Amino acid sequence: MTHATLFIPCIVDGMYPEVGEAVVKLFQRLGITMDYPENQTCCGQPPFNSGYRKEAAKAAKHYIETFEDSETIVCPSGSCVAMVRHHYRELFENESTWQQRAIAVGKRTFELTEYLVDVLKIQNTGAWYDGTITYHDACHLKRYLGVAAQPRALIRQVKGATFVEMKDSDTCCGFGGAFSTKYPDISTVMVKEKVKNILDSGADAVVGCDMGCLMNIKGYLTRHNLDVRGPSLPGGAAIEPQCHPGKG
């Protein structure tokens, strides 16, 4: 029987718990048993990106201690997985023991769509949506993890849905964690261009694999009363379940 340990990102835990709940429903639908270590916390990405390496290392060590006995760790966030798989090595470059432990746990940490398509060889999750979907490539997911085909493969198997590519789907939405707060004017220009490409695609729903991106896109859509939404797919979504980046 397939088993996975869930790592739920801070933004999901604190702001979009329905995404975590939908991952559980999806796994139940697919017959995947799971566990959720209740002592898990942040992976350390926010302090790492802001230059607080000591604080990031403390969070990273806690992640390693929490998950290193797990056979497979699955997370609905490309940026968090990229932090664990790539930046932990950098974080512990002067602590060889911790670095080796980090590398070992990083090899067993997977982003959700990557896990479904590459590990389990699943593309049809039984999801359905009556409408047209476009997809936004999150920066860390595509550039650090090389995950781009997997979400699209899942979307194409969503019953009733039509998938359309938007222009420059892999151009940053302007979120970038602390970037959007440090450089709000630049971030706004970037998300404005992203939203234009979403609207030009003709899709009535936009989906993605990182809630930070979707939150940023949703904010712009909502502030400008633009009617594009994220699909709510009963029984488990094809990608990030129950993401709502716009109105609806």
Protein backbone atom coordinates (compact mmCIF):
# COMPACT_ATOMS: atom_id res chain seq x y z
CA MET A 1 0.00 0.00 0.00
CA THR A 2 1.30 3.46 -0.94
CA HIS A 3 2.04 5.71 2.00
CA ALA A 4 3.10 9.36 2.21
CA THR A 5 3.89 11.87 4.93
CA LEU A 6 2.35 15.29 4.38
CA PHE A 7 4.26 18.53 4.77
CA ILE A 8 1.86 21.46 4.65
CA PRO A 9 3.35 24.93 3.90
CA CYS A 10 2.83 27.87 6.25
CA ILE A 11 0.65 29.81 3.81
CA VAL A 12 -1.66 26.82 3.41
CA ASP A 13 -1.80 26.11 7.13
CA GLY A 14 -2.43 29.74 8.04
CA MET A 15 -4.46 31.12 5.13
CA TYR A 16 -5.68 28.36 2.82
CA PRO A 17 -6.35 25.28 4.98
CA GLU A 18 -8.84 24.03 2.38
CA VAL A 19 -5.86 23.21 0.15
CA GLY A 20 -4.40 20.87 2.75
CA GLU A 21 -7.81 19.32 3.35
CA ALA A 22 -8.22 18.75 -0.38
CA VAL A 23 -4.83 17.02 -0.58
CA VAL A 24 -6.04 14.63 2.12
CA LYS A 25 -9.28 13.99 0.19
CA LEU A 26 -7.29 13.44 -3.00
CA PHE A 27 -5.02 10.89 -1.33
CA GLN A 28 -7.99 9.12 0.20
CA ARG A 29 -9.61 8.95 -3.23
CA LEU A 30 -6.44 7.43 -4.70
CA GLY A 31 -6.00 4.94 -1.85
CA ILE A 32 -2.84 6.56 -0.48
CA THR A 33 -2.42 6.24 3.27
CA MET A 34 -0.81 9.19 4.98
CA ASP A 35 0.38 10.67 8.22
CA TYR A 36 0.86 14.25 9.34
CA PRO A 37 3.51 15.05 11.98
CA GLU A 38 1.82 17.66 14.14
CA ASN A 39 5.12 19.15 15.28
CA GLN A 40 6.05 20.28 11.77
CA THR A 41 6.68 23.98 11.25
CA CYS A 42 8.10 26.29 8.55
CA CYS A 43 10.79 24.90 6.25
CA GLY A 44 12.83 28.07 6.81
CA GLN A 45 12.39 29.63 3.39
CA PRO A 46 11.15 33.11 4.52
CA PRO A 47 14.13 33.84 6.80
CA PHE A 48 16.52 32.25 4.28
CA ASN A 49 15.30 34.54 1.49
CA SER A 50 15.59 37.56 3.79
CA GLY A 51 19.18 36.80 4.80
CA TYR A 52 18.49 35.39 8.28
CA ARG A 53 20.56 32.25 7.89
CA LYS A 54 20.75 31.41 11.61
CA GLU A 55 16.97 31.43 11.95
CA ALA A 56 16.57 29.53 8.67
CA ALA A 57 19.01 26.84 9.85
CA LYS A 58 17.03 26.38 13.07
CA ALA A 59 13.83 25.80 11.09
CA ALA A 60 15.65 23.53 8.63
CA LYS A 61 17.08 21.35 11.41
CA HIS A 62 13.60 20.98 12.85
CA TYR A 63 12.29 19.91 9.43
CA ILE A 64 15.06 17.35 9.07
CA GLU A 65 14.48 15.93 12.55
CA THR A 66 10.73 15.79 11.95
CA PHE A 67 10.79 14.09 8.54
CA GLU A 68 14.02 12.14 8.22
CA ASP A 69 12.36 8.88 9.30
CA SER A 70 9.64 9.29 6.67
CA GLU A 71 9.95 7.22 3.52
CA THR A 72 8.22 9.78 1.28
CA ILE A 73 7.33 13.40 2.06
CA VAL A 74 4.80 15.21 -0.15
CA CYS A 75 4.18 18.96 -0.14
CA PRO A 76 1.73 21.09 -2.18
CA SER A 77 4.33 23.80 -2.81
CA GLY A 78 7.19 23.89 -5.28
CA SER A 79 8.97 26.69 -3.41
CA CYS A 80 9.04 24.80 -0.10
CA VAL A 81 10.28 21.63 -1.79
CA ALA A 82 12.95 23.64 -3.61
CA MET A 83 14.07 25.04 -0.26
CA VAL A 84 14.44 21.56 1.23
CA ARG A 85 15.96 19.90 -1.82
CA HIS A 86 18.35 22.63 -2.93
CA HIS A 87 18.90 25.40 -0.40
CA TYR A 88 19.41 23.18 2.63
CA ARG A 89 22.68 22.07 1.04
CA GLU A 90 23.79 25.68 0.85
CA LEU A 91 22.53 26.45 4.32
CA PHE A 92 24.64 23.67 5.86
CA GLU A 93 27.72 23.97 3.65
CA ASN A 94 29.89 24.34 6.78
CA GLU A 95 28.12 21.60 8.76
CA SER A 96 28.81 18.35 6.94
CA THR A 97 26.71 16.11 9.18
CA TRP A 98 23.64 18.29 8.88
CA GLN A 99 24.24 18.70 5.16
CA GLN A 100 24.27 14.95 4.61
CA ARG A 101 21.09 14.58 6.64
CA ALA A 102 19.54 17.40 4.62
CA ILE A 103 20.49 15.80 1.31
CA ALA A 104 19.01 12.48 2.40
CA VAL A 105 15.66 13.94 3.43
CA GLY A 106 15.62 16.21 0.36
CA LYS A 107 15.76 13.20 -1.94
CA ARG A 108 12.55 11.93 -0.36
CA THR A 109 10.67 15.25 -0.48
CA PHE A 110 8.37 15.75 -3.48
CA GLU A 111 6.01 18.41 -4.75
CA LEU A 112 2.45 17.12 -5.11
CA THR A 113 2.15 16.98 -8.92
CA GLU A 114 5.67 15.60 -9.20
CA TYR A 115 4.76 12.86 -6.75
CA LEU A 116 1.54 11.93 -8.55
CA VAL A 117 2.96 11.86 -12.08
CA ASP A 118 6.61 10.86 -11.64
CA VAL A 119 6.48 8.62 -8.59
CA LEU A 120 3.00 7.08 -8.65
CA LYS A 121 2.59 7.31 -12.45
CA ILE A 122 -0.91 8.75 -11.99
CA GLN A 123 -2.37 11.35 -14.35
CA ASN A 124 -6.11 10.81 -14.00
CA THR A 125 -7.17 11.64 -10.44
CA GLY A 126 -10.89 11.44 -11.13
CA ALA A 127 -11.21 15.23 -11.04
CA TRP A 128 -13.75 17.12 -13.11
CA TYR A 129 -14.38 20.73 -14.05
CA ASP A 130 -16.76 22.19 -16.59
CA GLY A 131 -14.80 25.04 -18.14
CA THR A 132 -11.53 26.27 -19.60
CA ILE A 133 -8.33 26.21 -17.54
CA THR A 134 -5.00 27.93 -17.99
CA TYR A 135 -1.89 27.27 -15.90
CA HIS A 136 0.68 29.53 -14.24
CA ASP A 137 4.21 28.12 -13.82
CA ALA A 138 5.62 29.03 -10.40
CA CYS A 139 9.27 30.09 -10.58
CA HIS A 140 10.75 27.72 -8.01
CA LEU A 141 8.70 24.78 -9.23
CA LYS A 142 9.85 25.05 -12.83
CA ARG A 143 13.36 26.43 -12.44
CA TYR A 144 14.59 24.55 -9.38
CA LEU A 145 12.57 21.34 -9.65
CA GLY A 146 12.02 21.16 -13.40
CA VAL A 147 8.32 20.50 -12.87
CA ALA A 148 6.21 21.84 -15.75
CA ALA A 149 4.87 18.90 -17.75
CA GLN A 150 3.45 17.14 -14.70
CA PRO A 151 0.76 19.69 -13.77
CA ARG A 152 -0.27 19.96 -17.40
CA ALA A 153 -0.58 16.20 -17.71
CA LEU A 154 -2.95 16.20 -14.74
CA ILE A 155 -4.99 19.13 -16.05
CA ARG A 156 -5.47 17.44 -19.41
CA GLN A 157 -7.08 14.49 -17.64
CA VAL A 158 -9.66 16.61 -15.80
CA LYS A 159 -13.03 15.50 -17.09
CA GLY A 160 -15.01 18.26 -18.81
CA ALA A 161 -12.12 20.72 -18.82
CA THR A 162 -10.39 22.36 -21.77
CA PHE A 163 -6.78 23.38 -21.23
CA VAL A 164 -5.29 26.45 -22.90
CA GLU A 165 -1.78 27.83 -22.54
CA MET A 166 -1.37 31.46 -21.64
CA LYS A 167 1.41 33.63 -23.06
CA ASP A 168 4.60 33.59 -20.97
CA SER A 169 3.16 31.12 -18.48
CA ASP A 170 6.55 30.82 -16.77
CA THR A 171 7.07 34.57 -16.27
CA CYS A 172 7.06 35.51 -12.58
CA CYS A 173 3.76 36.77 -11.16
CA GLY A 174 5.60 39.26 -8.94
CA PHE A 175 5.01 37.53 -5.60
CA GLY A 176 8.43 36.16 -4.73
CA GLY A 177 7.71 36.06 -1.02
CA ALA A 178 9.35 39.12 0.55
CA PHE A 179 9.92 40.60 -2.92
CA SER A 180 6.28 41.69 -3.20
CA THR A 181 6.50 43.60 0.08
CA LYS A 182 9.96 45.08 -0.47
CA TYR A 183 9.28 46.14 -4.05
CA PRO A 184 5.49 46.58 -4.29
CA ASP A 185 5.57 48.85 -7.37
CA ILE A 186 7.63 46.37 -9.39
CA SER A 187 5.52 43.47 -8.10
CA THR A 188 2.32 45.22 -9.19
CA VAL A 189 3.62 45.75 -12.73
CA MET A 190 4.57 42.07 -12.93
CA VAL A 191 1.25 40.73 -11.68
CA LYS A 192 -0.61 43.14 -13.98
CA GLU A 193 1.17 41.60 -16.96
CA LYS A 194 0.49 38.11 -15.65
CA VAL A 195 -3.21 38.85 -15.29
CA LYS A 196 -3.32 40.30 -18.81
CA ASN A 197 -1.94 37.02 -20.15
CA ILE A 198 -4.49 35.08 -18.12
CA LEU A 199 -7.36 37.14 -19.49
CA ASP A 200 -6.02 36.98 -23.05
CA SER A 201 -5.97 33.18 -22.85
CA GLY A 202 -9.76 33.19 -22.67
CA ALA A 203 -9.74 30.79 -19.74
CA ASP A 204 -12.35 31.15 -17.01
CA ALA A 205 -10.03 29.58 -14.42
CA VAL A 206 -6.33 29.84 -13.63
CA VAL A 207 -4.56 27.24 -11.53
CA GLY A 208 -1.05 26.81 -10.17
CA CYS A 209 1.08 24.83 -7.76
CA ASP A 210 2.06 27.50 -5.23
CA MET A 211 -0.45 29.35 -3.11
CA GLY A 212 1.81 32.39 -2.83
CA CYS A 213 1.53 32.94 -6.58
CA LEU A 214 -2.21 32.32 -6.57
CA MET A 215 -2.73 34.64 -3.62
CA ASN A 216 -0.90 37.42 -5.46
CA ILE A 217 -2.84 36.83 -8.67
CA LYS A 218 -6.10 36.59 -6.76
CA GLY A 219 -5.40 39.88 -5.02
CA TYR A 220 -5.03 41.71 -8.34
CA LEU A 221 -8.08 40.02 -9.85
CA THR A 222 -10.22 40.84 -6.84
CA ARG A 223 -9.08 44.47 -6.55
CA HIS A 224 -9.94 45.02 -10.21
CA ASN A 225 -13.20 43.04 -10.18
CA LEU A 226 -11.98 40.63 -12.85
CA ASP A 227 -13.99 37.44 -13.15
CA VAL A 228 -11.40 34.68 -13.34
CA ARG A 229 -11.38 31.97 -10.72
CA GLY A 230 -9.70 28.79 -9.60
CA PRO A 231 -11.63 25.57 -10.10
CA SER A 232 -13.10 23.71 -7.14
CA LEU A 233 -12.90 20.08 -8.15
CA PRO A 234 -14.98 17.69 -6.01
CA GLY A 235 -13.20 14.54 -4.99
CA GLY A 236 -9.69 15.85 -5.53
CA ALA A 237 -8.30 18.35 -7.97
CA ALA A 238 -5.81 17.69 -10.73
CA ILE A 239 -3.26 20.03 -9.22
CA GLU A 240 -3.38 22.26 -6.19
CA PRO A 241 -6.83 21.32 -4.88
CA GLN A 242 -9.35 23.99 -3.98
CA CYS A 243 -7.21 26.96 -5.05
CA HIS A 244 -9.21 30.13 -5.62
CA PRO A 245 -7.02 32.81 -7.24
CA GLY A 246 -9.91 34.98 -8.32
CA LYS A 247 -13.59 35.63 -7.84
CA GLY A 248 -16.06 32.80 -7.74
